[in-house]
Amino acid sequence: MGVEILDMERLDDRLHELTVRTGSVGGELRIRVLVPRGWTPRGGRAWPMLTLHHGGLDDCRSWTRETDLLELARDDGVLIVMPDGGHAGGYADWRRGPQWMTFHVRELFDLMRDRYGAAPVRAVAGVSGGGYGALLSAARNPGTFRYAAALSGPCTIRTPLTAVGLLAATAVAGRVNPLRMWGVPVVQDRYWRAGDPLHLAPALRGTGLYLSAGLTGRPGPLDPPGRPWSPANLAEPIVRSTVRPFLRRLRALGIQPTTHLYRDGTHSWPYWERELHRAWPLLMRSLT
């Protein structure tokens, strides 16, 4: 199937933006690529690759718009790839619909290997729904990623609260029938299990993990005074409710993740940028 490049724009000396098309998802997608210092189009060197996934109702531009990624990654010698994931793509191969995981895990790597010299030394991280995508990608593809970081990302999708929330968010944001993704909860549970990091936890042995989430969703130290309240902040305690059972399962399996579980803080980029900085040394260490 593969990915067809429709356009490539150099936004600066290191940041590129590709417009692509792939039959696995359909429509035009964008991919931002931050090349390491010393990268050249035909340099003959293979570079470790970090994939960064955005959250719902966002796109590939969010990482460079909302964080200091360009400065943070200045000297690390890693190819950083930020693909579109759809407003409500779910980061999964849908039961009936787009095959987002196929695009993000297989086709994206093939494209980066052929065009940018990506090496099969990979890590993945994401925020909110993209954090779930990082965990799911690692669990469904054992051995592919050395490290996965989920910043305010749901760690299970099969509790009543998370299932209802995901179905509602997909319907509203994606304007599609959410049952096309995993089917009817409980009735078609095998599809939900196949997309549930908690159920797939044994497959995460050998993958480094970083998990972070706030407890309350209330404004915290990084929220400016007077910032309007957002309904998105309700997601933070929901996410946090999924972390504890996931941690219990991981530890029962002998898997010891790194965690930062804090009290107050909204479901927003100031906290995800902070957590990116905390996770960054672990991600980079895994790629060397």
C-alpha atoms as a PDB file:
ATOM      1  CA  MET A   1       0.000   0.000   0.000  1.00  0.00           C
ATOM      2  CA  GLY A   2       2.641   2.535   1.082  1.00  0.00           C
ATOM      3  CA  VAL A   3       2.628   6.292   1.508  1.00  0.00           C
ATOM      4  CA  GLU A   4       2.659   8.753  -1.386  1.00  0.00           C
ATOM      5  CA  ILE A   5       4.350  12.119  -0.782  1.00  0.00           C
ATOM      6  CA  LEU A   6       2.309  14.929  -2.313  1.00  0.00           C
ATOM      7  CA  ASP A   7       4.370  17.870  -1.083  1.00  0.00           C
ATOM      8  CA  MET A   8       7.351  18.706   1.125  1.00  0.00           C
ATOM      9  CA  GLU A   9       7.997  22.100   2.702  1.00  0.00           C
ATOM     10  CA  ARG A  10      11.096  23.117   4.657  1.00  0.00           C
ATOM     11  CA  LEU A  11       9.852  25.232   7.547  1.00  0.00           C
ATOM     12  CA  ASP A  12      13.415  25.924   8.716  1.00  0.00           C
ATOM     13  CA  ASP A  13      16.810  24.274   8.419  1.00  0.00           C
ATOM     14  CA  ARG A  14      15.717  21.255  10.483  1.00  0.00           C
ATOM     15  CA  LEU A  15      11.911  21.166  10.416  1.00  0.00           C
ATOM     16  CA  HIS A  16      10.136  19.682   7.404  1.00  0.00           C
ATOM     17  CA  GLU A  17       6.420  19.229   6.768  1.00  0.00           C
ATOM     18  CA  LEU A  18       5.242  16.507   4.411  1.00  0.00           C
ATOM     19  CA  THR A  19       1.781  16.212   2.899  1.00  0.00           C
ATOM     20  CA  VAL A  20       1.070  12.565   2.142  1.00  0.00           C
ATOM     21  CA  ARG A  21      -1.656  10.180   1.122  1.00  0.00           C
ATOM     22  CA  THR A  22      -2.066   6.558   2.156  1.00  0.00           C
ATOM     23  CA  GLY A  23      -4.797   4.088   1.350  1.00  0.00           C
ATOM     24  CA  SER A  24      -4.704   2.681   4.873  1.00  0.00           C
ATOM     25  CA  VAL A  25      -6.270   5.890   6.218  1.00  0.00           C
ATOM     26  CA  GLY A  26      -7.524   7.854   3.230  1.00  0.00           C
ATOM     27  CA  GLY A  27      -7.375  11.568   2.522  1.00  0.00           C
ATOM     28  CA  GLU A  28      -4.382  13.864   2.867  1.00  0.00           C
ATOM     29  CA  LEU A  29      -2.271  13.790   6.017  1.00  0.00           C
ATOM     30  CA  ARG A  30       0.628  15.854   7.278  1.00  0.00           C
ATOM     31  CA  ILE A  31       3.810  14.693   8.929  1.00  0.00           C
ATOM     32  CA  ARG A  32       6.277  17.023  10.610  1.00  0.00           C
ATOM     33  CA  VAL A  33       9.847  15.775  10.688  1.00  0.00           C
ATOM     34  CA  LEU A  34      12.555  17.294  12.851  1.00  0.00           C
ATOM     35  CA  VAL A  35      15.867  16.136  11.463  1.00  0.00           C
ATOM     36  CA  PRO A  36      18.954  15.915  13.694  1.00  0.00           C
ATOM     37  CA  ARG A  37      21.946  18.176  13.284  1.00  0.00           C
ATOM     38  CA  GLY A  38      24.230  16.712  10.657  1.00  0.00           C
ATOM     39  CA  TRP A  39      21.405  15.077   8.721  1.00  0.00           C
ATOM     40  CA  THR A  40      21.666  15.266   4.934  1.00  0.00           C
ATOM     41  CA  PRO A  41      19.324  13.800   2.307  1.00  0.00           C
ATOM     42  CA  ARG A  42      21.902  11.270   1.156  1.00  0.00           C
ATOM     43  CA  GLY A  43      24.112  11.109   4.196  1.00  0.00           C
ATOM     44  CA  GLY A  44      24.287   7.337   4.388  1.00  0.00           C
ATOM     45  CA  ARG A  45      23.778   7.340   8.158  1.00  0.00           C
ATOM     46  CA  ALA A  46      20.911   5.665  10.021  1.00  0.00           C
ATOM     47  CA  TRP A  47      19.234   7.713  12.760  1.00  0.00           C
ATOM     48  CA  PRO A  48      17.215   6.503  15.789  1.00  0.00           C
ATOM     49  CA  MET A  49      13.573   7.552  15.482  1.00  0.00           C
ATOM     50  CA  LEU A  50      11.159   9.002  18.031  1.00  0.00           C
ATOM     51  CA  THR A  51       7.472   9.220  17.074  1.00  0.00           C
ATOM     52  CA  LEU A  52       5.387  11.849  18.892  1.00  0.00           C
ATOM     53  CA  HIS A  53       1.574  11.533  18.859  1.00  0.00           C
ATOM     54  CA  HIS A  54      -0.761  14.467  19.451  1.00  0.00           C
ATOM     55  CA  GLY A  55      -4.097  14.329  21.274  1.00  0.00           C
ATOM     56  CA  GLY A  56      -7.652  14.535  19.975  1.00  0.00           C
ATOM     57  CA  LEU A  57      -8.893  17.596  18.089  1.00  0.00           C
ATOM     58  CA  ASP A  58      -5.297  18.458  17.224  1.00  0.00           C
ATOM     59  CA  ASP A  59      -2.720  17.691  14.548  1.00  0.00           C
ATOM     60  CA  CYS A  60       0.975  17.202  13.870  1.00  0.00           C
ATOM     61  CA  ARG A  61       1.770  20.897  14.356  1.00  0.00           C
ATOM     62  CA  SER A  62       0.932  20.840  18.063  1.00  0.00           C
ATOM     63  CA  TRP A  63       4.333  19.654  19.301  1.00  0.00           C
ATOM     64  CA  THR A  64       6.243  22.537  17.757  1.00  0.00           C
ATOM     65  CA  ARG A  65       3.457  25.031  18.473  1.00  0.00           C
ATOM     66  CA  GLU A  66       2.965  24.163  22.147  1.00  0.00           C
ATOM     67  CA  THR A  67       6.362  22.971  23.393  1.00  0.00           C
ATOM     68  CA  ASP A  68      10.037  23.875  23.188  1.00  0.00           C
ATOM     69  CA  LEU A  69      10.758  20.668  21.284  1.00  0.00           C
ATOM     70  CA  LEU A  70      13.069  22.393  18.778  1.00  0.00           C
ATOM     71  CA  GLU A  71      15.375  23.499  21.575  1.00  0.00           C
ATOM     72  CA  LEU A  72      14.948  20.360  23.660  1.00  0.00           C
ATOM     73  CA  ALA A  73      16.000  18.120  20.774  1.00  0.00           C
ATOM     74  CA  ARG A  74      18.801  20.374  19.568  1.00  0.00           C
ATOM     75  CA  ASP A  75      21.745  18.059  20.229  1.00  0.00           C
ATOM     76  CA  ASP A  76      20.334  14.552  20.605  1.00  0.00           C
ATOM     77  CA  GLY A  77      20.991  13.036  17.187  1.00  0.00           C
ATOM     78  CA  VAL A  78      17.488  11.584  16.862  1.00  0.00           C
ATOM     79  CA  LEU A  79      14.999  11.795  13.993  1.00  0.00           C
ATOM     80  CA  ILE A  80      11.724  13.064  15.473  1.00  0.00           C
ATOM     81  CA  VAL A  81       8.548  12.325  13.542  1.00  0.00           C
ATOM     82  CA  MET A  82       5.178  13.925  14.319  1.00  0.00           C
ATOM     83  CA  PRO A  83       2.372  12.453  12.188  1.00  0.00           C
ATOM     84  CA  ASP A  84      -1.248  13.454  11.977  1.00  0.00           C
ATOM     85  CA  GLY A  85      -3.473  11.073  13.918  1.00  0.00           C
ATOM     86  CA  GLY A  86      -6.896  12.410  12.987  1.00  0.00           C
ATOM     87  CA  HIS A  87      -9.203  14.458  15.215  1.00  0.00           C
ATOM     88  CA  ALA A  88     -10.573  11.196  16.598  1.00  0.00           C
ATOM     89  CA  GLY A  89      -8.475   8.549  14.884  1.00  0.00           C
ATOM     90  CA  GLY A  90      -7.985   6.513  18.013  1.00  0.00           C
ATOM     91  CA  TYR A  91      -4.479   5.373  17.012  1.00  0.00           C
ATOM     92  CA  ALA A  92      -5.916   1.918  16.285  1.00  0.00           C
ATOM     93  CA  ASP A  93      -6.678  -0.152  13.221  1.00  0.00           C
ATOM     94  CA  TRP A  94     -10.447   0.228  13.165  1.00  0.00           C
ATOM     95  CA  ARG A  95     -12.667  -2.813  12.909  1.00  0.00           C
ATOM     96  CA  ARG A  96     -14.421  -1.061  10.041  1.00  0.00           C
ATOM     97  CA  GLY A  97     -12.590   2.003   8.863  1.00  0.00           C
ATOM     98  CA  PRO A  98      -9.150   3.626   8.798  1.00  0.00           C
ATOM     99  CA  GLN A  99      -6.056   1.647   9.749  1.00  0.00           C
ATOM    100  CA  TRP A 100      -4.259   4.253  11.842  1.00  0.00           C
ATOM    101  CA  MET A 101      -1.866   1.881  13.566  1.00  0.00           C
ATOM    102  CA  THR A 102      -0.762   0.413  10.259  1.00  0.00           C
ATOM    103  CA  PHE A 103       0.052   3.920   9.090  1.00  0.00           C
ATOM    104  CA  HIS A 104       1.825   5.017  12.273  1.00  0.00           C
ATOM    105  CA  VAL A 105       3.807   1.864  13.033  1.00  0.00           C
ATOM    106  CA  ARG A 106       4.605   0.362   9.638  1.00  0.00           C
ATOM    107  CA  GLU A 107       4.081   2.767   6.768  1.00  0.00           C
ATOM    108  CA  LEU A 108       5.465   5.803   8.571  1.00  0.00           C
ATOM    109  CA  PHE A 109       8.647   3.949   9.478  1.00  0.00           C
ATOM    110  CA  ASP A 110       9.102   2.662   5.921  1.00  0.00           C
ATOM    111  CA  LEU A 111       8.759   6.223   4.627  1.00  0.00           C
ATOM    112  CA  MET A 112      11.200   7.622   7.189  1.00  0.00           C
ATOM    113  CA  ARG A 113      13.697   4.838   6.526  1.00  0.00           C
ATOM    114  CA  ASP A 114      13.631   5.389   2.773  1.00  0.00           C
ATOM    115  CA  ARG A 115      13.558   9.210   2.766  1.00  0.00           C
ATOM    116  CA  TYR A 116      15.271  10.200   6.014  1.00  0.00           C
ATOM    117  CA  GLY A 117      17.503   7.296   6.991  1.00  0.00           C
ATOM    118  CA  ALA A 118      15.514   6.133  10.033  1.00  0.00           C
ATOM    119  CA  ALA A 119      17.034   3.175  11.856  1.00  0.00           C
ATOM    120  CA  PRO A 120      14.941   0.389  13.425  1.00  0.00           C
ATOM    121  CA  VAL A 121      15.801   1.830  16.848  1.00  0.00           C
ATOM    122  CA  ARG A 122      12.551   3.440  17.901  1.00  0.00           C
ATOM    123  CA  ALA A 123      10.649   5.027  20.767  1.00  0.00           C
ATOM    124  CA  VAL A 124       7.161   6.528  20.921  1.00  0.00           C
ATOM    125  CA  ALA A 125       5.439   9.097  23.122  1.00  0.00           C
ATOM    126  CA  GLY A 126       2.127  10.903  23.128  1.00  0.00           C
ATOM    127  CA  VAL A 127      -0.240  13.176  25.008  1.00  0.00           C
ATOM    128  CA  SER A 128      -3.856  12.406  25.953  1.00  0.00           C
ATOM    129  CA  GLY A 129      -5.250  10.101  23.241  1.00  0.00           C
ATOM    130  CA  GLY A 130      -1.796  10.084  21.695  1.00  0.00           C
ATOM    131  CA  GLY A 131      -0.425   8.704  24.958  1.00  0.00           C
ATOM    132  CA  TYR A 132      -2.886   5.849  24.644  1.00  0.00           C
ATOM    133  CA  GLY A 133      -1.646   5.465  21.076  1.00  0.00           C
ATOM    134  CA  ALA A 134       1.939   5.174  22.299  1.00  0.00           C
ATOM    135  CA  LEU A 135       1.028   2.403  24.743  1.00  0.00           C
ATOM    136  CA  LEU A 136      -1.130   0.589  22.201  1.00  0.00           C
ATOM    137  CA  SER A 137       1.530   0.760  19.484  1.00  0.00           C
ATOM    138  CA  ALA A 138       4.141  -0.696  21.817  1.00  0.00           C
ATOM    139  CA  ALA A 139       1.846  -3.419  23.170  1.00  0.00           C
ATOM    140  CA  ARG A 140       0.510  -4.515  19.791  1.00  0.00           C
ATOM    141  CA  ASN A 141       3.969  -4.568  18.240  1.00  0.00           C
ATOM    142  CA  PRO A 142       6.291  -6.135  20.833  1.00  0.00           C
ATOM    143  CA  GLY A 143       9.953  -5.390  20.298  1.00  0.00           C
ATOM    144  CA  THR A 144       9.323  -2.520  17.886  1.00  0.00           C
ATOM    145  CA  PHE A 145       9.727   0.298  20.406  1.00  0.00           C
ATOM    146  CA  ARG A 146      12.377   0.455  23.086  1.00  0.00           C
ATOM    147  CA  TYR A 147      10.415   3.012  25.094  1.00  0.00           C
ATOM    148  CA  ALA A 148       6.848   4.321  25.294  1.00  0.00           C
ATOM    149  CA  ALA A 149       5.728   7.422  27.205  1.00  0.00           C
ATOM    150  CA  ALA A 150       2.065   8.245  27.870  1.00  0.00           C
ATOM    151  CA  LEU A 151       1.455  11.780  29.158  1.00  0.00           C
ATOM    152  CA  SER A 152      -2.135  11.932  30.459  1.00  0.00           C
ATOM    153  CA  GLY A 153      -2.957   8.969  28.239  1.00  0.00           C
ATOM    154  CA  PRO A 154      -5.667   6.390  29.067  1.00  0.00           C
ATOM    155  CA  CYS A 155      -4.135   3.068  30.087  1.00  0.00           C
ATOM    156  CA  THR A 156      -7.303   1.033  29.624  1.00  0.00           C
ATOM    157  CA  ILE A 157     -10.392   1.545  27.467  1.00  0.00           C
ATOM    158  CA  ARG A 158     -12.651  -1.138  28.963  1.00  0.00           C
ATOM    159  CA  THR A 159     -13.950   0.459  32.155  1.00  0.00           C
ATOM    160  CA  PRO A 160     -17.510   1.822  31.787  1.00  0.00           C
ATOM    161  CA  LEU A 161     -16.324   5.399  32.268  1.00  0.00           C
ATOM    162  CA  THR A 162     -13.539   5.266  29.695  1.00  0.00           C
ATOM    163  CA  ALA A 163     -15.582   3.293  27.170  1.00  0.00           C
ATOM    164  CA  VAL A 164     -18.472   5.762  27.263  1.00  0.00           C
ATOM    165  CA  GLY A 165     -16.082   8.716  27.168  1.00  0.00           C
ATOM    166  CA  LEU A 166     -14.164   7.386  24.181  1.00  0.00           C
ATOM    167  CA  LEU A 167     -17.298   6.555  22.223  1.00  0.00           C
ATOM    168  CA  ALA A 168     -18.757  10.002  22.889  1.00  0.00           C
ATOM    169  CA  ALA A 169     -15.526  11.823  22.037  1.00  0.00           C
ATOM    170  CA  THR A 170     -15.099   9.863  18.807  1.00  0.00           C
ATOM    171  CA  ALA A 171     -18.673  10.575  17.744  1.00  0.00           C
ATOM    172  CA  VAL A 172     -18.461  14.302  18.487  1.00  0.00           C
ATOM    173  CA  ALA A 173     -14.906  15.018  17.339  1.00  0.00           C
ATOM    174  CA  GLY A 174     -14.712  12.625  14.421  1.00  0.00           C
ATOM    175  CA  ARG A 175     -18.337  12.945  13.314  1.00  0.00           C
ATOM    176  CA  VAL A 176     -18.366   9.211  12.639  1.00  0.00           C
ATOM    177  CA  ASN A 177     -20.041   6.150  14.111  1.00  0.00           C
ATOM    178  CA  PRO A 178     -17.689   5.274  16.999  1.00  0.00           C
ATOM    179  CA  LEU A 179     -18.795   1.634  16.996  1.00  0.00           C
ATOM    180  CA  ARG A 180     -16.830   1.183  13.775  1.00  0.00           C
ATOM    181  CA  MET A 181     -13.633   1.401  15.822  1.00  0.00           C
ATOM    182  CA  TRP A 182     -14.034  -1.429  18.350  1.00  0.00           C
ATOM    183  CA  GLY A 183     -17.657  -2.472  18.046  1.00  0.00           C
ATOM    184  CA  VAL A 184     -20.249  -2.631  20.819  1.00  0.00           C
ATOM    185  CA  PRO A 185     -18.699  -2.756  24.310  1.00  0.00           C
ATOM    186  CA  VAL A 186     -19.046  -6.128  26.086  1.00  0.00           C
ATOM    187  CA  VAL A 187     -20.890  -7.638  23.111  1.00  0.00           C
ATOM    188  CA  GLN A 188     -17.794  -7.418  20.900  1.00  0.00           C
ATOM    189  CA  ASP A 189     -15.276  -7.446  23.713  1.00  0.00           C
ATOM    190  CA  ARG A 190     -12.574  -9.234  21.715  1.00  0.00           C
ATOM    191  CA  TYR A 191     -12.093  -6.068  19.655  1.00  0.00           C
ATOM    192  CA  TRP A 192     -11.960  -3.932  22.789  1.00  0.00           C
ATOM    193  CA  ARG A 193      -9.429  -6.308  24.369  1.00  0.00           C
ATOM    194  CA  ALA A 194      -7.288  -6.012  21.244  1.00  0.00           C
ATOM    195  CA  GLY A 195      -7.149  -2.249  21.797  1.00  0.00           C
ATOM    196  CA  ASP A 196      -6.677  -2.277  25.562  1.00  0.00           C
ATOM    197  CA  PRO A 197      -3.166  -1.667  26.979  1.00  0.00           C
ATOM    198  CA  LEU A 198      -4.247  -3.184  30.308  1.00  0.00           C
ATOM    199  CA  HIS A 199      -5.217  -6.447  28.627  1.00  0.00           C
ATOM    200  CA  LEU A 200      -2.102  -6.363  26.438  1.00  0.00           C
ATOM    201  CA  ALA A 201       0.264  -5.529  29.318  1.00  0.00           C
ATOM    202  CA  PRO A 202       2.310  -8.788  29.097  1.00  0.00           C
ATOM    203  CA  ALA A 203       3.457  -7.702  25.635  1.00  0.00           C
ATOM    204  CA  LEU A 204       5.134  -4.640  27.185  1.00  0.00           C
ATOM    205  CA  ARG A 205       7.895  -6.691  28.811  1.00  0.00           C
ATOM    206  CA  GLY A 206      11.193  -5.332  27.583  1.00  0.00           C
ATOM    207  CA  THR A 207       9.765  -1.892  26.722  1.00  0.00           C
ATOM    208  CA  GLY A 208      10.627   1.036  28.985  1.00  0.00           C
ATOM    209  CA  LEU A 209       7.553   2.943  30.156  1.00  0.00           C
ATOM    210  CA  TYR A 210       6.849   6.444  31.447  1.00  0.00           C
ATOM    211  CA  LEU A 211       3.364   7.295  32.743  1.00  0.00           C
ATOM    212  CA  SER A 212       2.132  10.630  34.073  1.00  0.00           C
ATOM    213  CA  ALA A 213      -1.269  12.068  34.962  1.00  0.00           C
ATOM    214  CA  GLY A 214      -2.937  14.495  37.338  1.00  0.00           C
ATOM    215  CA  LEU A 215      -5.475  13.478  39.955  1.00  0.00           C
ATOM    216  CA  THR A 216      -8.015  16.287  39.970  1.00  0.00           C
ATOM    217  CA  GLY A 217      -7.932  18.170  36.661  1.00  0.00           C
ATOM    218  CA  ARG A 218      -8.146  21.381  38.686  1.00  0.00           C
ATOM    219  CA  PRO A 219      -5.829  24.318  37.890  1.00  0.00           C
ATOM    220  CA  GLY A 220      -2.343  23.751  39.197  1.00  0.00           C
ATOM    221  CA  PRO A 221       1.003  25.539  39.305  1.00  0.00           C
ATOM    222  CA  LEU A 222       1.373  25.827  35.520  1.00  0.00           C
ATOM    223  CA  ASP A 223      -2.067  27.317  34.854  1.00  0.00           C
ATOM    224  CA  PRO A 224      -2.053  31.117  34.480  1.00  0.00           C
ATOM    225  CA  PRO A 225      -4.509  33.017  36.689  1.00  0.00           C
ATOM    226  CA  GLY A 226      -7.838  33.574  35.012  1.00  0.00           C
ATOM    227  CA  ARG A 227      -7.488  30.830  32.418  1.00  0.00           C
ATOM    228  CA  PRO A 228     -11.041  29.791  31.386  1.00  0.00           C
ATOM    229  CA  TRP A 229     -12.106  26.344  32.537  1.00  0.00           C
ATOM    230  CA  SER A 230     -12.243  23.758  29.757  1.00  0.00           C
ATOM    231  CA  PRO A 231     -14.392  20.612  29.590  1.00  0.00           C
ATOM    232  CA  ALA A 232     -11.211  18.833  28.480  1.00  0.00           C
ATOM    233  CA  ASN A 233     -10.032  19.021  32.087  1.00  0.00           C
ATOM    234  CA  LEU A 234     -12.573  16.352  32.995  1.00  0.00           C
ATOM    235  CA  ALA A 235     -10.381  13.931  31.075  1.00  0.00           C
ATOM    236  CA  GLU A 236      -7.523  14.197  33.566  1.00  0.00           C
ATOM    237  CA  PRO A 237      -9.170  12.410  36.525  1.00  0.00           C
ATOM    238  CA  ILE A 238     -10.656   9.864  34.099  1.00  0.00           C
ATOM    239  CA  VAL A 239      -7.175   9.137  32.790  1.00  0.00           C
ATOM    240  CA  ARG A 240      -5.812   8.940  36.312  1.00  0.00           C
ATOM    241  CA  SER A 241      -8.456   6.342  37.203  1.00  0.00           C
ATOM    242  CA  THR A 242      -6.984   4.091  34.489  1.00  0.00           C
ATOM    243  CA  VAL A 243      -3.390   4.401  35.684  1.00  0.00           C
ATOM    244  CA  ARG A 244      -3.708   2.575  39.002  1.00  0.00           C
ATOM    245  CA  PRO A 245      -5.093  -0.729  37.632  1.00  0.00           C
ATOM    246  CA  PHE A 246      -2.530  -0.577  34.836  1.00  0.00           C
ATOM    247  CA  LEU A 247       0.294  -0.118  37.314  1.00  0.00           C
ATOM    248  CA  ARG A 248      -0.950  -3.015  39.425  1.00  0.00           C
ATOM    249  CA  ARG A 249      -0.994  -5.257  36.362  1.00  0.00           C
ATOM    250  CA  LEU A 250       2.452  -4.159  35.226  1.00  0.00           C
ATOM    251  CA  ARG A 251       3.995  -4.711  38.642  1.00  0.00           C
ATOM    252  CA  ALA A 252       2.353  -8.124  38.961  1.00  0.00           C
ATOM    253  CA  LEU A 253       4.085  -8.964  35.683  1.00  0.00           C
ATOM    254  CA  GLY A 254       7.430  -7.711  36.989  1.00  0.00           C
ATOM    255  CA  ILE A 255       7.365  -4.598  34.782  1.00  0.00           C
ATOM    256  CA  GLN A 256       8.539  -1.457  36.575  1.00  0.00           C
ATOM    257  CA  PRO A 257       7.530   1.771  34.798  1.00  0.00           C
ATOM    258  CA  THR A 258       8.678   5.264  35.687  1.00  0.00           C
ATOM    259  CA  THR A 259       5.757   7.385  36.877  1.00  0.00           C
ATOM    260  CA  HIS A 260       4.942  10.946  37.835  1.00  0.00           C
ATOM    261  CA  LEU A 261       1.476  11.090  39.363  1.00  0.00           C
ATOM    262  CA  TYR A 262       0.686  14.586  40.555  1.00  0.00           C
ATOM    263  CA  ARG A 263      -2.368  16.137  42.185  1.00  0.00           C
ATOM    264  CA  ASP A 264      -3.539  19.343  40.498  1.00  0.00           C
ATOM    265  CA  GLY A 265      -3.077  20.338  36.875  1.00  0.00           C
ATOM    266  CA  THR A 266      -5.316  20.696  33.838  1.00  0.00           C
ATOM    267  CA  HIS A 267      -5.455  18.452  30.783  1.00  0.00           C
ATOM    268  CA  SER A 268      -3.294  20.854  28.803  1.00  0.00           C
ATOM    269  CA  TRP A 269       0.039  21.490  27.150  1.00  0.00           C
ATOM    270  CA  PRO A 270       1.895  23.265  29.971  1.00  0.00           C
ATOM    271  CA  TYR A 271       1.795  20.014  31.951  1.00  0.00           C
ATOM    272  CA  TRP A 272       2.585  17.857  28.937  1.00  0.00           C
ATOM    273  CA  GLU A 273       5.594  20.007  28.109  1.00  0.00           C
ATOM    274  CA  ARG A 274       6.817  19.569  31.680  1.00  0.00           C
ATOM    275  CA  GLU A 275       6.299  15.818  31.468  1.00  0.00           C
ATOM    276  CA  LEU A 276       8.057  15.703  28.100  1.00  0.00           C
ATOM    277  CA  HIS A 277      11.105  17.199  29.801  1.00  0.00           C
ATOM    278  CA  ARG A 278      10.899  14.596  32.577  1.00  0.00           C
ATOM    279  CA  ALA A 279      10.569  11.726  30.119  1.00  0.00           C
ATOM    280  CA  TRP A 280      13.104  13.040  27.614  1.00  0.00           C
ATOM    281  CA  PRO A 281      16.314  11.661  29.179  1.00  0.00           C
ATOM    282  CA  LEU A 282      14.690   8.230  29.419  1.00  0.00           C
ATOM    283  CA  LEU A 283      13.535   8.318  25.818  1.00  0.00           C
ATOM    284  CA  MET A 284      16.940   9.444  24.587  1.00  0.00           C
ATOM    285  CA  ARG A 285      18.791   6.867  26.688  1.00  0.00           C
ATOM    286  CA  SER A 286      16.677   4.118  25.170  1.00  0.00           C
ATOM    287  CA  LEU A 287      17.673   5.197  21.669  1.00  0.00           C
ATOM    288  CA  THR A 288      21.426   5.179  22.173  1.00  0.00           C
END
